[in-house]
N, C-alpha and C. Protein backbone atom coordinates (compact mmCIF):
# COMPACT_ATOMS: atom_id res chain seq x y z
N MET A 1 85.59 80.97 99.59
CA MET A 1 86.66 81.20 98.33
C MET A 1 85.58 81.66 97.68
N ILE A 2 85.90 82.88 97.02
CA ILE A 2 85.39 83.40 95.49
C ILE A 2 85.65 82.89 94.30
N ASP A 3 84.81 82.35 93.65
CA ASP A 3 85.59 81.59 92.28
C ASP A 3 85.40 82.91 91.08
N HIS A 4 84.63 83.82 90.96
CA HIS A 4 84.70 84.81 90.25
C HIS A 4 83.32 86.03 90.38
N VAL A 5 83.96 86.95 90.03
CA VAL A 5 83.03 88.06 90.03
C VAL A 5 82.91 88.96 88.71
N VAL A 6 81.63 89.44 88.60
CA VAL A 6 81.34 89.95 87.20
C VAL A 6 80.88 90.93 87.33
N LEU A 7 81.20 92.22 86.52
CA LEU A 7 80.82 93.70 87.03
C LEU A 7 80.29 93.85 85.88
N GLY A 8 78.95 94.60 85.82
CA GLY A 8 78.46 95.21 84.77
C GLY A 8 78.94 96.48 84.70
N VAL A 9 79.23 97.04 83.44
CA VAL A 9 79.69 98.42 83.39
C VAL A 9 79.12 98.93 81.71
N HIS A 10 78.91 100.13 81.91
CA HIS A 10 78.83 100.88 80.92
C HIS A 10 79.69 101.25 79.58
N HIS A 11 80.79 101.33 80.11
CA HIS A 11 82.05 101.64 78.93
C HIS A 11 83.12 100.41 79.07
N LEU A 12 82.92 99.69 78.07
CA LEU A 12 83.90 98.27 78.57
C LEU A 12 85.39 98.98 78.36
N ASP A 13 85.49 99.73 77.40
CA ASP A 13 87.37 100.24 76.84
C ASP A 13 87.69 100.94 78.15
N GLU A 14 86.83 101.76 78.56
CA GLU A 14 87.23 103.09 79.68
C GLU A 14 87.48 102.19 81.05
N SER A 15 86.32 101.03 81.17
CA SER A 15 86.72 100.06 82.31
C SER A 15 88.03 99.33 82.22
N ARG A 16 88.13 98.65 80.87
CA ARG A 16 89.38 97.86 81.01
C ARG A 16 90.63 98.67 81.27
N HIS A 17 91.06 100.01 80.96
CA HIS A 17 91.78 100.52 81.10
C HIS A 17 92.19 100.94 82.58
N PHE A 18 91.05 101.16 82.86
CA PHE A 18 91.21 101.35 84.53
C PHE A 18 91.46 100.16 85.28
N TYR A 19 90.98 98.94 85.01
CA TYR A 19 91.04 98.12 86.04
C TYR A 19 92.47 97.28 85.40
N GLU A 20 92.96 97.17 84.31
CA GLU A 20 94.09 97.05 83.67
C GLU A 20 95.18 97.46 84.58
N ASN A 21 95.01 98.78 84.73
CA ASN A 21 96.30 99.49 85.48
C ASN A 21 96.47 99.31 86.70
N ALA A 22 94.84 99.74 87.35
CA ALA A 22 95.19 99.61 88.53
C ALA A 22 95.31 98.16 89.31
N LEU A 23 95.09 97.00 88.81
CA LEU A 23 95.31 95.95 89.33
C LEU A 23 96.62 95.09 88.60
N ARG A 24 97.42 95.78 87.84
CA ARG A 24 98.66 95.32 87.42
C ARG A 24 99.58 95.02 88.78
N PRO A 25 99.63 96.20 89.83
CA PRO A 25 100.98 96.02 90.77
C PRO A 25 100.27 94.86 91.86
N LEU A 26 98.69 94.35 91.31
CA LEU A 26 98.32 92.96 92.26
C LEU A 26 99.00 91.84 91.49
N GLY A 27 99.40 91.91 90.36
CA GLY A 27 99.67 90.73 89.61
C GLY A 27 98.25 90.16 88.83
N VAL A 28 97.11 91.12 88.75
CA VAL A 28 96.16 90.47 88.13
C VAL A 28 96.31 91.44 86.60
N LYS A 29 95.78 90.65 85.49
CA LYS A 29 95.89 90.84 84.26
C LYS A 29 94.77 90.33 82.81
N VAL A 30 94.70 91.35 82.26
CA VAL A 30 93.92 90.62 81.05
C VAL A 30 94.10 89.36 80.59
N LEU A 31 93.46 88.26 80.61
CA LEU A 31 93.43 86.93 79.93
C LEU A 31 92.63 86.70 78.70
N VAL A 32 91.27 87.45 78.98
CA VAL A 32 90.50 87.12 77.87
C VAL A 32 89.74 88.61 77.52
N GLN A 33 89.80 88.81 76.14
CA GLN A 33 88.81 89.71 75.44
C GLN A 33 88.02 89.39 74.70
N GLU A 34 86.82 89.63 74.73
CA GLU A 34 85.70 89.48 74.13
C GLU A 34 84.79 90.65 73.59
N PRO A 35 83.80 90.46 72.73
CA PRO A 35 83.23 91.78 71.94
C PRO A 35 82.61 92.46 73.47
N GLU A 36 82.03 91.61 74.42
CA GLU A 36 81.27 92.47 75.19
C GLU A 36 81.77 92.13 76.85
N MET A 37 83.09 91.20 76.75
CA MET A 37 83.63 90.91 78.42
C MET A 37 85.04 91.23 77.96
N VAL A 38 85.67 91.16 79.21
CA VAL A 38 86.74 91.21 79.23
C VAL A 38 87.31 90.27 80.80
N GLY A 39 88.17 89.18 80.75
CA GLY A 39 88.27 88.41 81.83
C GLY A 39 89.80 89.02 82.34
N PHE A 40 89.83 88.80 83.69
CA PHE A 40 91.29 89.06 84.33
C PHE A 40 91.82 88.05 84.95
N GLY A 41 92.94 87.65 85.40
CA GLY A 41 93.14 86.71 85.99
C GLY A 41 94.79 86.55 86.54
N ASP A 42 95.25 85.43 86.89
CA ASP A 42 96.21 85.53 87.62
C ASP A 42 97.63 84.95 86.55
N ASP A 43 98.70 84.53 86.88
CA ASP A 43 99.74 83.87 86.12
C ASP A 43 99.44 82.31 85.91
N GLU A 44 98.58 81.89 86.52
CA GLU A 44 98.62 80.50 86.76
C GLU A 44 97.21 80.30 85.30
N GLY A 45 96.69 81.37 85.01
CA GLY A 45 95.89 81.27 84.21
C GLY A 45 94.10 81.37 84.90
N ARG A 46 94.24 81.36 85.91
CA ARG A 46 92.82 81.30 86.82
C ARG A 46 92.22 82.55 86.50
N LEU A 47 90.92 82.33 85.61
CA LEU A 47 89.91 83.65 85.53
C LEU A 47 89.24 84.04 86.58
N PHE A 48 89.20 84.95 87.20
CA PHE A 48 88.20 85.11 88.63
C PHE A 48 87.60 86.74 88.65
N PHE A 49 87.87 87.34 87.58
CA PHE A 49 87.51 89.00 87.66
C PHE A 49 86.93 89.54 86.09
N TRP A 50 86.06 89.63 86.21
CA TRP A 50 85.31 89.77 84.50
C TRP A 50 84.39 91.26 84.67
N LEU A 51 84.61 91.75 83.23
CA LEU A 51 83.84 92.76 83.21
C LEU A 51 82.72 92.73 82.02
N ALA A 52 81.67 92.79 82.08
CA ALA A 52 80.68 92.79 81.20
C ALA A 52 80.12 94.02 80.65
N LEU A 53 79.51 94.18 79.26
CA LEU A 53 79.27 95.57 78.92
C LEU A 53 77.59 95.16 79.10
N ARG A 54 77.15 95.83 80.28
CA ARG A 54 75.79 95.41 80.66
C ARG A 54 75.31 96.77 81.71
N GLU A 55 73.94 96.92 81.81
CA GLU A 55 73.71 98.11 82.87
C GLU A 55 74.12 97.23 84.13
N PRO A 56 74.82 98.34 84.79
CA PRO A 56 75.11 97.67 86.06
C PRO A 56 74.11 97.86 87.05
N SER A 57 73.87 96.49 87.76
CA SER A 57 72.75 96.49 88.68
C SER A 57 72.81 97.12 89.73
N HIS A 58 73.72 97.52 90.41
CA HIS A 58 74.04 98.18 91.79
C HIS A 58 75.65 98.32 91.89
N ARG A 59 75.96 99.38 92.65
CA ARG A 59 77.33 99.47 93.09
C ARG A 59 77.84 98.40 93.97
N VAL A 60 78.84 97.68 93.55
CA VAL A 60 79.57 96.81 94.47
C VAL A 60 80.70 97.36 95.04
N HIS A 61 81.16 96.25 95.89
CA HIS A 61 82.62 96.51 96.87
C HIS A 61 83.36 95.25 96.46
N VAL A 62 84.54 95.35 95.57
CA VAL A 62 85.20 94.45 95.36
C VAL A 62 87.02 94.59 95.93
N ALA A 63 86.98 93.60 96.76
CA ALA A 63 88.82 93.64 97.51
C ALA A 63 89.57 92.90 96.80
N PHE A 64 90.47 93.35 96.45
CA PHE A 64 91.65 92.26 95.83
C PHE A 64 92.66 92.21 96.85
N SER A 65 93.32 91.23 96.86
CA SER A 65 94.37 90.81 97.68
C SER A 65 95.91 91.61 97.28
N ALA A 66 96.22 91.87 97.93
CA ALA A 66 97.69 92.37 97.60
C ALA A 66 98.81 91.71 98.52
N PRO A 67 100.10 91.19 97.94
CA PRO A 67 100.89 90.69 98.68
C PRO A 67 101.86 91.42 99.37
N ASP A 68 101.48 92.79 99.39
CA ASP A 68 102.33 93.58 100.55
C ASP A 68 101.95 95.15 100.33
N ARG A 69 102.55 96.06 101.56
CA ARG A 69 101.68 97.12 101.19
C ARG A 69 101.96 97.90 100.19
N ALA A 70 103.34 97.88 99.62
CA ALA A 70 103.69 98.61 98.51
C ALA A 70 102.96 98.40 97.21
N ALA A 71 102.48 97.03 97.02
CA ALA A 71 101.46 96.64 96.19
C ALA A 71 100.29 97.83 96.06
N VAL A 72 99.74 97.78 97.63
CA VAL A 72 98.36 98.51 98.01
C VAL A 72 99.01 99.88 97.38
N ASP A 73 99.91 100.52 97.63
CA ASP A 73 99.87 101.77 97.62
C ASP A 73 100.06 102.22 95.68
N ALA A 74 100.67 101.13 95.30
CA ALA A 74 101.10 101.08 93.75
C ALA A 74 99.43 100.96 92.93
N PHE A 75 98.75 100.23 93.42
CA PHE A 75 97.19 99.90 93.15
C PHE A 75 96.52 101.39 93.20
N HIS A 76 96.39 102.03 94.44
CA HIS A 76 96.07 103.44 94.37
C HIS A 76 96.21 104.31 93.56
N ALA A 77 97.67 104.37 93.47
CA ALA A 77 98.45 105.32 92.54
C ALA A 77 97.71 104.91 91.08
N ALA A 78 97.98 103.82 90.81
CA ALA A 78 97.69 103.30 89.01
C ALA A 78 96.05 103.52 89.37
N ALA A 79 95.09 103.28 90.04
CA ALA A 79 93.44 103.52 90.02
C ALA A 79 93.31 105.08 89.80
N LEU A 80 94.16 105.96 90.31
CA LEU A 80 93.66 107.31 90.40
C LEU A 80 94.55 108.07 89.18
N HIS A 81 95.58 107.40 88.46
CA HIS A 81 96.16 107.98 87.46
C HIS A 81 95.17 107.09 86.02
N SER A 82 94.74 106.19 86.18
CA SER A 82 93.51 105.51 85.15
C SER A 82 92.13 106.05 85.09
N GLY A 83 91.90 106.81 85.89
CA GLY A 83 90.49 107.79 85.69
C GLY A 83 90.00 107.39 87.04
N GLY A 84 90.39 106.73 88.06
CA GLY A 84 89.62 106.28 89.24
C GLY A 84 89.30 107.32 90.09
N VAL A 85 88.19 107.55 91.30
CA VAL A 85 88.40 108.41 92.19
C VAL A 85 88.65 107.81 93.39
N ASP A 86 89.52 108.66 93.97
CA ASP A 86 89.80 108.17 95.81
C ASP A 86 88.60 108.04 96.32
N ASN A 87 88.44 106.75 97.20
CA ASN A 87 87.57 106.84 98.16
C ASN A 87 88.25 106.10 99.61
N GLY A 88 89.76 106.31 99.39
CA GLY A 88 90.23 106.17 100.71
C GLY A 88 91.68 106.10 100.66
N PRO A 89 92.47 106.86 100.89
CA PRO A 89 93.97 106.54 100.59
C PRO A 89 94.67 105.32 101.22
N PRO A 90 95.68 104.92 100.62
CA PRO A 90 96.70 103.82 101.33
C PRO A 90 96.58 103.99 102.99
N GLY A 91 96.56 103.03 103.61
CA GLY A 91 96.97 103.35 105.21
C GLY A 91 96.02 101.82 105.86
N LEU A 92 96.56 101.93 107.45
CA LEU A 92 96.02 101.05 108.15
C LEU A 92 94.64 101.26 108.35
N ARG A 93 93.78 100.39 108.47
CA ARG A 93 92.44 100.30 109.12
C ARG A 93 92.30 99.55 109.92
N PRO A 94 92.60 100.01 111.39
CA PRO A 94 92.27 99.14 112.71
C PRO A 94 91.09 98.53 113.20
N GLN A 95 90.16 99.47 112.50
CA GLN A 95 88.65 99.11 112.88
C GLN A 95 88.61 97.60 112.25
N TYR A 96 89.27 97.18 111.57
CA TYR A 96 89.05 95.85 110.86
C TYR A 96 90.01 94.75 111.78
N HIS A 97 91.35 95.18 111.83
CA HIS A 97 92.51 94.53 112.22
C HIS A 97 93.66 95.21 112.29
N GLU A 98 94.18 94.80 113.24
CA GLU A 98 95.70 95.78 113.35
C GLU A 98 96.53 95.85 112.24
N ASN A 99 96.67 94.83 111.38
CA ASN A 99 97.11 94.77 110.02
C ASN A 99 96.69 94.99 108.90
N TYR A 100 95.35 95.40 108.91
CA TYR A 100 94.40 95.70 107.81
C TYR A 100 94.86 96.90 107.22
N TYR A 101 95.91 96.71 105.88
CA TYR A 101 96.20 97.62 104.98
C TYR A 101 95.47 97.82 103.81
N GLY A 102 94.48 98.89 103.70
CA GLY A 102 93.82 98.98 102.47
C GLY A 102 94.08 100.30 101.76
N ALA A 103 93.39 100.32 100.57
CA ALA A 103 93.46 101.76 99.67
C ALA A 103 91.88 101.03 98.71
N PHE A 104 91.13 102.49 98.30
CA PHE A 104 89.83 102.08 97.89
C PHE A 104 89.99 103.61 96.76
N ALA A 105 89.31 102.65 95.87
CA ALA A 105 89.00 103.78 94.83
C ALA A 105 87.57 103.58 93.63
N PHE A 106 86.78 104.69 93.47
CA PHE A 106 85.62 104.34 92.68
C PHE A 106 86.27 104.22 91.04
N ASP A 107 85.22 103.36 90.50
CA ASP A 107 85.63 102.78 89.16
C ASP A 107 84.61 103.94 88.11
N ALA A 108 84.82 104.11 87.20
CA ALA A 108 83.89 104.95 86.17
C ALA A 108 82.24 104.81 86.51
N ASP A 109 81.95 103.61 87.11
CA ASP A 109 80.39 102.94 87.44
C ASP A 109 80.30 103.25 89.00
N GLY A 110 80.88 103.65 89.72
CA GLY A 110 80.79 103.84 90.95
C GLY A 110 80.79 102.47 91.93
N ASN A 111 81.70 101.60 91.18
CA ASN A 111 82.11 100.72 92.08
C ASN A 111 83.04 101.20 92.75
N ASN A 112 83.42 100.32 94.08
CA ASN A 112 84.09 100.68 95.01
C ASN A 112 85.18 99.47 95.21
N ILE A 113 86.22 99.96 94.89
CA ILE A 113 87.52 98.82 94.46
C ILE A 113 88.49 98.89 95.49
N GLU A 114 88.79 97.91 95.95
CA GLU A 114 90.18 98.02 97.35
C GLU A 114 90.83 96.84 97.05
N ALA A 115 92.17 97.48 97.35
CA ALA A 115 93.57 96.61 97.43
C ALA A 115 93.69 96.28 98.94
N VAL A 116 93.94 95.20 99.50
CA VAL A 116 94.02 95.04 101.11
C VAL A 116 95.21 94.32 101.23
N CYS A 117 95.93 94.33 101.79
CA CYS A 117 97.30 93.46 102.32
C CYS A 117 96.78 93.50 103.89
N HIS A 118 96.89 92.09 104.25
CA HIS A 118 96.58 91.25 106.03
C HIS A 118 97.81 91.28 106.58
N ARG A 119 99.11 91.65 106.08
CA ARG A 119 100.56 91.37 106.45
C ARG A 119 101.21 92.21 107.72
N PRO A 120 101.48 92.32 108.53
CA PRO A 120 102.24 93.33 109.20
C PRO A 120 103.37 93.78 108.40
N ALA A 121 103.53 94.98 108.87
CA ALA A 121 104.85 96.01 108.00
C ALA A 121 106.16 95.13 107.77
């Protein structure tokens, strides 16, 4: 289990806008705002995803769980609407397993952000 992830970003406000909108359909929201960091978490107050104003060390891939396929679709639409770049539209990825339904978008720093649902339709 992952406890938390911290992404270094060049532009904190731009990145916050992207993630705040893209992750809303997945039930992830901003819980902490500090001058050089933004913390995202769930309704239980668990912080698990952070943006930090610092030089990104390298590109990463972060996959967020989605409760259903509609949330994956909504994530992708929100990500693109918030400045993300498409890296794979919503759809089945049977090369991973028969129910793997995911979508991918690059953020402003080139990180590959995914929403995935493992449940059958």
